Amino acid sequence: MSYEDQKSTIIQILKHERVSSTENLVSKLYFSRSTLRRVLIQMEDEGLVRRSHGRVELVDPSRHENPANRRFEVHQDEKLQVSKKALPLIRNGMVIFLDSSSTIYRLSGFLKEFEDLKIITNGLHVAMNLRNLRRSEIYICPGRIRPGSTSVIGEIAVDFIDSFHADLAIFSCKSIDPRGGYEGDSSQAMIKMLMARQSKETALLFDHHKIHEKGYYRSFTFPDINYLVCDCELPNALKVITEEHGCQIL
């Protein structure tokens, strides 16, 4: 049985029982205790389950961030398409906040054509992607690295961002609905809320998959957003609320 089949079987059991002992899983599965342990470790690394004292719990997808390697691998074409659409918002000499999302990582690869930018980011991958940008200044937030991610978070990061005022904040989200945008983690939501507050204008980049995702911590509402940059026609309820608040859709 492949890892994907093993994972799918465990998820189905936990969807029904929510929390299970490892002994219970062993009794219901067709693979060994050592194989189960190996599969559960990998699933925990992917943010799918939580293990504790011989018990396994299915993680609510709205309450966690996908691990960085997984986020950077999925929907790459859509993220590139959305990133290219956002480039007309950027001008030489701007001060810009960039978040740590995989979408903004894709955007950062196109910024070499601009000059005299000052960029502040809490994304390790984003900062590394910008390290060879000439005639521009790149600032990386100090703070705590979120386990399993490339995000710098925490009070120190918040204080650092609060010391800047930007022309434009560009960020993505875990999910979006007519009430706003959401993250799987409160610390990420706080960083994005502050970036929006400390900027003259804001741009939200997302692909159509984000409309069907689930999030838990709201990071913005539509009065906070000037530009929505996406790869699809918005559902009617979302389109109405964004137009009501004057968001420009690209």
C-alpha atoms as a PDB file:
ATOM      1  CA  MET A   1       0.000   0.000   0.000  1.00  0.00           C
ATOM      2  CA  SER A   2       1.406   3.402  -0.979  1.00  0.00           C
ATOM      3  CA  TYR A   3       1.876   6.239   1.496  1.00  0.00           C
ATOM      4  CA  GLU A   4      -1.029   8.141  -0.088  1.00  0.00           C
ATOM      5  CA  ASP A   5      -3.312   5.114   0.376  1.00  0.00           C
ATOM      6  CA  GLN A   6      -2.131   4.655   3.964  1.00  0.00           C
ATOM      7  CA  LYS A   7      -2.701   8.339   4.680  1.00  0.00           C
ATOM      8  CA  SER A   8      -6.155   8.292   3.108  1.00  0.00           C
ATOM      9  CA  THR A   9      -7.181   5.261   5.204  1.00  0.00           C
ATOM     10  CA  ILE A  10      -6.033   6.895   8.452  1.00  0.00           C
ATOM     11  CA  ILE A  11      -7.806  10.142   7.599  1.00  0.00           C
ATOM     12  CA  GLN A  12     -11.060   8.297   6.964  1.00  0.00           C
ATOM     13  CA  ILE A  13     -10.844   6.589  10.358  1.00  0.00           C
ATOM     14  CA  LEU A  14     -10.060   9.854  12.152  1.00  0.00           C
ATOM     15  CA  LYS A  15     -12.830  11.710  10.346  1.00  0.00           C
ATOM     16  CA  HIS A  16     -15.244   9.245  11.879  1.00  0.00           C
ATOM     17  CA  GLU A  17     -13.664   8.990  15.341  1.00  0.00           C
ATOM     18  CA  ARG A  18     -11.879  12.373  15.474  1.00  0.00           C
ATOM     19  CA  VAL A  19      -9.419  11.114  18.119  1.00  0.00           C
ATOM     20  CA  SER A  20      -8.021   7.602  18.238  1.00  0.00           C
ATOM     21  CA  SER A  21      -5.419   5.665  20.174  1.00  0.00           C
ATOM     22  CA  THR A  22      -2.556   4.208  18.165  1.00  0.00           C
ATOM     23  CA  GLU A  23      -3.635   0.778  19.436  1.00  0.00           C
ATOM     24  CA  ASN A  24      -7.068   1.316  17.891  1.00  0.00           C
ATOM     25  CA  LEU A  25      -5.494   2.326  14.568  1.00  0.00           C
ATOM     26  CA  VAL A  26      -3.238  -0.722  14.555  1.00  0.00           C
ATOM     27  CA  SER A  27      -6.264  -2.988  15.062  1.00  0.00           C
ATOM     28  CA  LYS A  28      -8.061  -1.438  12.063  1.00  0.00           C
ATOM     29  CA  LEU A  29      -5.203  -1.167   9.596  1.00  0.00           C
ATOM     30  CA  TYR A  30      -3.417  -3.670   7.408  1.00  0.00           C
ATOM     31  CA  PHE A  31       0.110  -2.519   8.157  1.00  0.00           C
ATOM     32  CA  SER A  32       2.519  -2.913  11.047  1.00  0.00           C
ATOM     33  CA  ARG A  33       2.958  -0.776  14.134  1.00  0.00           C
ATOM     34  CA  SER A  34       6.323   0.503  12.843  1.00  0.00           C
ATOM     35  CA  THR A  35       4.775   1.426   9.488  1.00  0.00           C
ATOM     36  CA  LEU A  36       1.941   3.227  11.284  1.00  0.00           C
ATOM     37  CA  ARG A  37       4.442   5.216  13.333  1.00  0.00           C
ATOM     38  CA  ARG A  38       6.365   6.212  10.202  1.00  0.00           C
ATOM     39  CA  VAL A  39       3.175   7.251   8.374  1.00  0.00           C
ATOM     40  CA  LEU A  40       1.908   9.265  11.366  1.00  0.00           C
ATOM     41  CA  ILE A  41       5.222  11.115  11.669  1.00  0.00           C
ATOM     42  CA  GLN A  42       5.025  12.093   8.012  1.00  0.00           C
ATOM     43  CA  MET A  43       1.374  13.118   8.359  1.00  0.00           C
ATOM     44  CA  GLU A  44       2.262  15.234  11.389  1.00  0.00           C
ATOM     45  CA  ASP A  45       5.042  16.917   9.381  1.00  0.00           C
ATOM     46  CA  GLU A  46       2.405  17.757   6.759  1.00  0.00           C
ATOM     47  CA  GLY A  47       0.149  19.264   9.422  1.00  0.00           C
ATOM     48  CA  LEU A  48      -2.589  16.659   8.974  1.00  0.00           C
ATOM     49  CA  VAL A  49      -2.569  15.046  12.427  1.00  0.00           C
ATOM     50  CA  ARG A  50      -1.414  15.773  15.953  1.00  0.00           C
ATOM     51  CA  ARG A  51       0.132  13.009  18.117  1.00  0.00           C
ATOM     52  CA  SER A  52       0.261  13.017  21.903  1.00  0.00           C
ATOM     53  CA  HIS A  53       0.740  10.258  24.496  1.00  0.00           C
ATOM     54  CA  GLY A  54      -0.371   7.400  22.282  1.00  0.00           C
ATOM     55  CA  ARG A  55      -3.318   9.313  20.835  1.00  0.00           C
ATOM     56  CA  VAL A  56      -3.782  10.690  17.336  1.00  0.00           C
ATOM     57  CA  GLU A  57      -6.046  13.606  16.440  1.00  0.00           C
ATOM     58  CA  LEU A  58      -7.058  14.863  13.020  1.00  0.00           C
ATOM     59  CA  VAL A  59      -6.142  18.543  12.652  1.00  0.00           C
ATOM     60  CA  ASP A  60      -8.932  20.850  11.525  1.00  0.00           C
ATOM     61  CA  PRO A  61      -7.702  22.218   8.137  1.00  0.00           C
ATOM     62  CA  SER A  62      -9.019  25.676   9.023  1.00  0.00           C
ATOM     63  CA  ARG A  63      -6.699  25.867  12.046  1.00  0.00           C
ATOM     64  CA  HIS A  64      -3.292  25.154  10.579  1.00  0.00           C
ATOM     65  CA  GLU A  65      -0.927  26.290   7.905  1.00  0.00           C
ATOM     66  CA  ASN A  66       0.262  23.794   5.351  1.00  0.00           C
ATOM     67  CA  PRO A  67       3.989  23.106   5.733  1.00  0.00           C
ATOM     68  CA  ALA A  68       6.198  25.360   3.621  1.00  0.00           C
ATOM     69  CA  ASN A  69       7.412  22.670   1.215  1.00  0.00           C
ATOM     70  CA  ARG A  70       3.823  21.678   0.446  1.00  0.00           C
ATOM     71  CA  ARG A  71       2.647  25.277  -0.084  1.00  0.00           C
ATOM     72  CA  PHE A  72       5.542  26.085  -2.409  1.00  0.00           C
ATOM     73  CA  GLU A  73       4.844  23.061  -4.596  1.00  0.00           C
ATOM     74  CA  VAL A  74       1.099  23.354  -5.250  1.00  0.00           C
ATOM     75  CA  HIS A  75      -0.732  25.537  -7.799  1.00  0.00           C
ATOM     76  CA  GLN A  76       2.502  27.037  -9.134  1.00  0.00           C
ATOM     77  CA  ASP A  77       1.061  28.110 -12.505  1.00  0.00           C
ATOM     78  CA  GLU A  78      -1.825  29.962 -10.855  1.00  0.00           C
ATOM     79  CA  LYS A  79       0.526  31.737  -8.446  1.00  0.00           C
ATOM     80  CA  LEU A  80       2.776  32.837 -11.294  1.00  0.00           C
ATOM     81  CA  GLN A  81      -0.207  34.121 -13.257  1.00  0.00           C
ATOM     82  CA  VAL A  82      -1.505  36.132 -10.297  1.00  0.00           C
ATOM     83  CA  SER A  83       1.985  37.495  -9.541  1.00  0.00           C
ATOM     84  CA  LYS A  84       2.420  38.834 -13.069  1.00  0.00           C
ATOM     85  CA  LYS A  85      -0.939  40.610 -12.834  1.00  0.00           C
ATOM     86  CA  ALA A  86       0.255  42.464  -9.722  1.00  0.00           C
ATOM     87  CA  LEU A  87       3.417  43.925 -11.304  1.00  0.00           C
ATOM     88  CA  PRO A  88       1.714  47.111 -12.660  1.00  0.00           C
ATOM     89  CA  LEU A  89       1.026  48.109  -9.042  1.00  0.00           C
ATOM     90  CA  ILE A  90       4.768  48.366  -8.335  1.00  0.00           C
ATOM     91  CA  ARG A  91       6.888  51.396  -9.241  1.00  0.00           C
ATOM     92  CA  ASN A  92      10.549  52.258  -8.798  1.00  0.00           C
ATOM     93  CA  GLY A  93      11.347  53.862  -5.457  1.00  0.00           C
ATOM     94  CA  MET A  94       8.439  52.341  -3.508  1.00  0.00           C
ATOM     95  CA  VAL A  95       8.528  51.077   0.067  1.00  0.00           C
ATOM     96  CA  ILE A  96       6.769  47.695   0.057  1.00  0.00           C
ATOM     97  CA  PHE A  97       5.679  45.122   2.624  1.00  0.00           C
ATOM     98  CA  LEU A  98       5.741  41.513   1.377  1.00  0.00           C
ATOM     99  CA  ASP A  99       4.372  38.652   3.448  1.00  0.00           C
ATOM    100  CA  SER A 100       5.842  35.152   3.698  1.00  0.00           C
ATOM    101  CA  SER A 101       3.328  33.342   1.472  1.00  0.00           C
ATOM    102  CA  SER A 102       4.252  31.098  -1.438  1.00  0.00           C
ATOM    103  CA  THR A 103       2.327  33.406  -3.798  1.00  0.00           C
ATOM    104  CA  ILE A 104       4.422  36.408  -2.749  1.00  0.00           C
ATOM    105  CA  TYR A 105       7.536  34.270  -3.108  1.00  0.00           C
ATOM    106  CA  ARG A 106       6.588  33.853  -6.775  1.00  0.00           C
ATOM    107  CA  LEU A 107       6.033  37.598  -7.094  1.00  0.00           C
ATOM    108  CA  SER A 108       9.447  38.358  -5.607  1.00  0.00           C
ATOM    109  CA  GLY A 109      11.115  36.610  -8.531  1.00  0.00           C
ATOM    110  CA  PHE A 110       9.839  39.319 -10.891  1.00  0.00           C
ATOM    111  CA  LEU A 111      11.095  42.312  -8.892  1.00  0.00           C
ATOM    112  CA  LYS A 112      14.571  42.410 -10.435  1.00  0.00           C
ATOM    113  CA  GLU A 113      13.223  44.755 -13.131  1.00  0.00           C
ATOM    114  CA  PHE A 114      12.599  47.482 -10.530  1.00  0.00           C
ATOM    115  CA  GLU A 115      15.068  49.859  -8.865  1.00  0.00           C
ATOM    116  CA  ASP A 116      15.392  51.718  -5.561  1.00  0.00           C
ATOM    117  CA  LEU A 117      12.834  49.593  -3.755  1.00  0.00           C
ATOM    118  CA  LYS A 118      12.756  49.266   0.009  1.00  0.00           C
ATOM    119  CA  ILE A 119      11.199  45.897   0.830  1.00  0.00           C
ATOM    120  CA  ILE A 120      10.245  44.678   4.297  1.00  0.00           C
ATOM    121  CA  THR A 121       9.283  41.001   4.602  1.00  0.00           C
ATOM    122  CA  ASN A 122       8.731  38.355   7.251  1.00  0.00           C
ATOM    123  CA  GLY A 123       9.423  35.591   4.718  1.00  0.00           C
ATOM    124  CA  LEU A 124      12.804  33.853   4.771  1.00  0.00           C
ATOM    125  CA  HIS A 125      12.325  32.434   1.256  1.00  0.00           C
ATOM    126  CA  VAL A 126      11.136  35.810  -0.002  1.00  0.00           C
ATOM    127  CA  ALA A 127      14.201  37.578   1.431  1.00  0.00           C
ATOM    128  CA  MET A 128      16.546  34.967  -0.045  1.00  0.00           C
ATOM    129  CA  ASN A 129      14.871  35.325  -3.437  1.00  0.00           C
ATOM    130  CA  LEU A 130      15.515  39.082  -3.279  1.00  0.00           C
ATOM    131  CA  ARG A 131      19.085  38.902  -2.003  1.00  0.00           C
ATOM    132  CA  ASN A 132      20.642  39.746  -5.382  1.00  0.00           C
ATOM    133  CA  LEU A 133      18.318  42.656  -6.108  1.00  0.00           C
ATOM    134  CA  ARG A 134      20.585  45.566  -6.998  1.00  0.00           C
ATOM    135  CA  ARG A 135      20.032  49.203  -6.046  1.00  0.00           C
ATOM    136  CA  SER A 136      17.336  48.199  -3.563  1.00  0.00           C
ATOM    137  CA  GLU A 137      17.206  47.606   0.196  1.00  0.00           C
ATOM    138  CA  ILE A 138      15.793  44.387   1.647  1.00  0.00           C
ATOM    139  CA  TYR A 139      14.779  44.143   5.317  1.00  0.00           C
ATOM    140  CA  ILE A 140      13.956  40.831   6.998  1.00  0.00           C
ATOM    141  CA  CYS A 141      11.928  40.861  10.206  1.00  0.00           C
ATOM    142  CA  PRO A 142      13.649  39.627  13.346  1.00  0.00           C
ATOM    143  CA  GLY A 143      11.644  37.299  15.538  1.00  0.00           C
ATOM    144  CA  ARG A 144      10.644  33.675  15.928  1.00  0.00           C
ATOM    145  CA  ILE A 145      10.568  31.235  13.011  1.00  0.00           C
ATOM    146  CA  ARG A 146       7.290  29.361  12.862  1.00  0.00           C
ATOM    147  CA  PRO A 147       8.039  25.601  12.959  1.00  0.00           C
ATOM    148  CA  GLY A 148       7.700  23.933   9.590  1.00  0.00           C
ATOM    149  CA  SER A 149       7.475  27.238   7.734  1.00  0.00           C
ATOM    150  CA  THR A 150       9.585  30.061   6.312  1.00  0.00           C
ATOM    151  CA  SER A 151       7.696  32.723   8.283  1.00  0.00           C
ATOM    152  CA  VAL A 152       9.157  35.006  10.945  1.00  0.00           C
ATOM    153  CA  ILE A 153       6.487  35.824  13.532  1.00  0.00           C
ATOM    154  CA  GLY A 154       6.031  36.992  17.115  1.00  0.00           C
ATOM    155  CA  GLU A 155       6.170  40.218  19.089  1.00  0.00           C
ATOM    156  CA  ILE A 156       9.643  41.187  17.869  1.00  0.00           C
ATOM    157  CA  ALA A 157       8.515  40.871  14.234  1.00  0.00           C
ATOM    158  CA  VAL A 158       5.386  42.916  14.984  1.00  0.00           C
ATOM    159  CA  ASP A 159       7.436  45.700  16.618  1.00  0.00           C
ATOM    160  CA  PHE A 160       9.788  45.734  13.622  1.00  0.00           C
ATOM    161  CA  ILE A 161       6.977  46.080  11.088  1.00  0.00           C
ATOM    162  CA  ASP A 162       5.379  48.778  13.216  1.00  0.00           C
ATOM    163  CA  SER A 163       8.499  50.928  12.767  1.00  0.00           C
ATOM    164  CA  PHE A 164       7.947  51.214   8.978  1.00  0.00           C
ATOM    165  CA  HIS A 165       5.358  52.957   6.840  1.00  0.00           C
ATOM    166  CA  ALA A 166       4.994  51.577   3.308  1.00  0.00           C
ATOM    167  CA  ASP A 167       3.527  52.740   0.026  1.00  0.00           C
ATOM    168  CA  LEU A 168       2.105  49.288  -0.659  1.00  0.00           C
ATOM    169  CA  ALA A 169       1.534  46.044   1.258  1.00  0.00           C
ATOM    170  CA  ILE A 170       1.256  42.935  -0.892  1.00  0.00           C
ATOM    171  CA  PHE A 171       0.081  39.725   0.708  1.00  0.00           C
ATOM    172  CA  SER A 172      -1.915  36.571   0.146  1.00  0.00           C
ATOM    173  CA  CYS A 173      -4.207  34.540   2.418  1.00  0.00           C
ATOM    174  CA  LYS A 174      -5.133  30.984   3.277  1.00  0.00           C
ATOM    175  CA  SER A 175      -8.775  31.521   2.323  1.00  0.00           C
ATOM    176  CA  ILE A 176     -11.232  34.226   1.341  1.00  0.00           C
ATOM    177  CA  ASP A 177     -14.995  34.693   1.626  1.00  0.00           C
ATOM    178  CA  PRO A 178     -17.427  37.680   1.682  1.00  0.00           C
ATOM    179  CA  ARG A 179     -16.420  38.462   5.285  1.00  0.00           C
ATOM    180  CA  GLY A 180     -12.711  38.829   4.517  1.00  0.00           C
ATOM    181  CA  GLY A 181      -9.480  36.859   4.344  1.00  0.00           C
ATOM    182  CA  TYR A 182      -8.271  34.233   6.779  1.00  0.00           C
ATOM    183  CA  GLU A 183      -5.137  32.495   8.018  1.00  0.00           C
ATOM    184  CA  GLY A 184      -4.647  29.172   9.732  1.00  0.00           C
ATOM    185  CA  ASP A 185      -2.605  30.814  12.477  1.00  0.00           C
ATOM    186  CA  SER A 186      -3.247  33.927  14.590  1.00  0.00           C
ATOM    187  CA  SER A 187       0.377  35.090  14.463  1.00  0.00           C
ATOM    188  CA  GLN A 188       0.299  35.169  10.655  1.00  0.00           C
ATOM    189  CA  ALA A 189      -2.987  37.056  10.718  1.00  0.00           C
ATOM    190  CA  MET A 190      -1.517  39.653  13.072  1.00  0.00           C
ATOM    191  CA  ILE A 191       1.481  40.272  10.783  1.00  0.00           C
ATOM    192  CA  LYS A 192      -0.762  40.837   7.759  1.00  0.00           C
ATOM    193  CA  MET A 193      -3.185  43.079   9.641  1.00  0.00           C
ATOM    194  CA  LEU A 194      -0.272  45.260  10.730  1.00  0.00           C
ATOM    195  CA  MET A 195       1.222  45.408   7.228  1.00  0.00           C
ATOM    196  CA  ALA A 196      -2.152  46.616   5.931  1.00  0.00           C
ATOM    197  CA  ARG A 197      -2.458  49.213   8.688  1.00  0.00           C
ATOM    198  CA  GLN A 198       1.052  50.550   8.069  1.00  0.00           C
ATOM    199  CA  SER A 199       0.581  51.019   4.294  1.00  0.00           C
ATOM    200  CA  LYS A 200      -0.983  53.648   2.060  1.00  0.00           C
ATOM    201  CA  GLU A 201      -2.418  50.925  -0.192  1.00  0.00           C
ATOM    202  CA  THR A 202      -2.863  47.172  -0.041  1.00  0.00           C
ATOM    203  CA  ALA A 203      -3.017  44.396  -2.619  1.00  0.00           C
ATOM    204  CA  LEU A 204      -4.341  40.911  -1.946  1.00  0.00           C
ATOM    205  CA  LEU A 205      -3.126  38.176  -4.301  1.00  0.00           C
ATOM    206  CA  PHE A 206      -4.960  34.852  -4.450  1.00  0.00           C
ATOM    207  CA  ASP A 207      -5.854  32.086  -6.882  1.00  0.00           C
ATOM    208  CA  HIS A 208      -9.256  30.445  -7.212  1.00  0.00           C
ATOM    209  CA  HIS A 209      -8.360  27.577  -4.873  1.00  0.00           C
ATOM    210  CA  LYS A 210      -8.377  30.022  -1.930  1.00  0.00           C
ATOM    211  CA  ILE A 211     -12.115  30.594  -2.414  1.00  0.00           C
ATOM    212  CA  HIS A 212     -12.751  26.945  -1.544  1.00  0.00           C
ATOM    213  CA  GLU A 213     -10.266  26.669   1.336  1.00  0.00           C
ATOM    214  CA  LYS A 214     -11.072  27.114   5.022  1.00  0.00           C
ATOM    215  CA  GLY A 215      -9.415  29.552   7.412  1.00  0.00           C
ATOM    216  CA  TYR A 216      -9.880  30.354  11.045  1.00  0.00           C
ATOM    217  CA  TYR A 217      -8.211  33.673  11.973  1.00  0.00           C
ATOM    218  CA  ARG A 218      -9.430  36.685  10.005  1.00  0.00           C
ATOM    219  CA  SER A 219      -6.530  38.824   8.800  1.00  0.00           C
ATOM    220  CA  PHE A 220      -8.458  41.548   6.965  1.00  0.00           C
ATOM    221  CA  THR A 221     -11.852  42.784   5.848  1.00  0.00           C
ATOM    222  CA  PHE A 222     -12.500  44.402   2.489  1.00  0.00           C
ATOM    223  CA  PRO A 223     -12.305  48.033   3.667  1.00  0.00           C
ATOM    224  CA  ASP A 224      -8.624  47.167   4.300  1.00  0.00           C
ATOM    225  CA  ILE A 225      -7.970  46.179   0.660  1.00  0.00           C
ATOM    226  CA  ASN A 226      -7.440  48.441  -2.366  1.00  0.00           C
ATOM    227  CA  TYR A 227      -6.625  45.814  -5.000  1.00  0.00           C
ATOM    228  CA  LEU A 228      -7.730  42.209  -5.439  1.00  0.00           C
ATOM    229  CA  VAL A 229      -5.465  40.327  -7.826  1.00  0.00           C
ATOM    230  CA  CYS A 230      -6.822  36.920  -8.832  1.00  0.00           C
ATOM    231  CA  ASP A 231      -7.002  34.380 -11.662  1.00  0.00           C
ATOM    232  CA  CYS A 232     -10.763  33.927 -11.854  1.00  0.00           C
ATOM    233  CA  GLU A 233     -14.169  35.552 -11.997  1.00  0.00           C
ATOM    234  CA  LEU A 234     -15.242  36.122  -8.406  1.00  0.00           C
ATOM    235  CA  PRO A 235     -18.382  34.424  -7.074  1.00  0.00           C
ATOM    236  CA  ASN A 236     -21.259  36.892  -7.062  1.00  0.00           C
ATOM    237  CA  ALA A 237     -21.447  37.319  -3.263  1.00  0.00           C
ATOM    238  CA  LEU A 238     -17.729  38.051  -3.100  1.00  0.00           C
ATOM    239  CA  LYS A 239     -17.841  40.383  -6.088  1.00  0.00           C
ATOM    240  CA  VAL A 240     -20.711  42.422  -4.628  1.00  0.00           C
ATOM    241  CA  ILE A 241     -19.026  42.988  -1.265  1.00  0.00           C
ATOM    242  CA  THR A 242     -15.660  43.911  -2.791  1.00  0.00           C
ATOM    243  CA  GLU A 243     -17.228  46.403  -5.201  1.00  0.00           C
ATOM    244  CA  GLU A 244     -19.269  47.830  -2.325  1.00  0.00           C
ATOM    245  CA  HIS A 245     -16.014  48.684  -0.560  1.00  0.00           C
ATOM    246  CA  GLY A 246     -14.295  50.074  -3.639  1.00  0.00           C
ATOM    247  CA  CYS A 247     -11.791  47.254  -4.171  1.00  0.00           C
ATOM    248  CA  GLN A 248     -10.304  47.303  -7.648  1.00  0.00           C
ATOM    249  CA  ILE A 249     -10.217  43.818  -9.179  1.00  0.00           C
ATOM    250  CA  LEU A 250      -7.316  42.890 -11.423  1.00  0.00           C
END
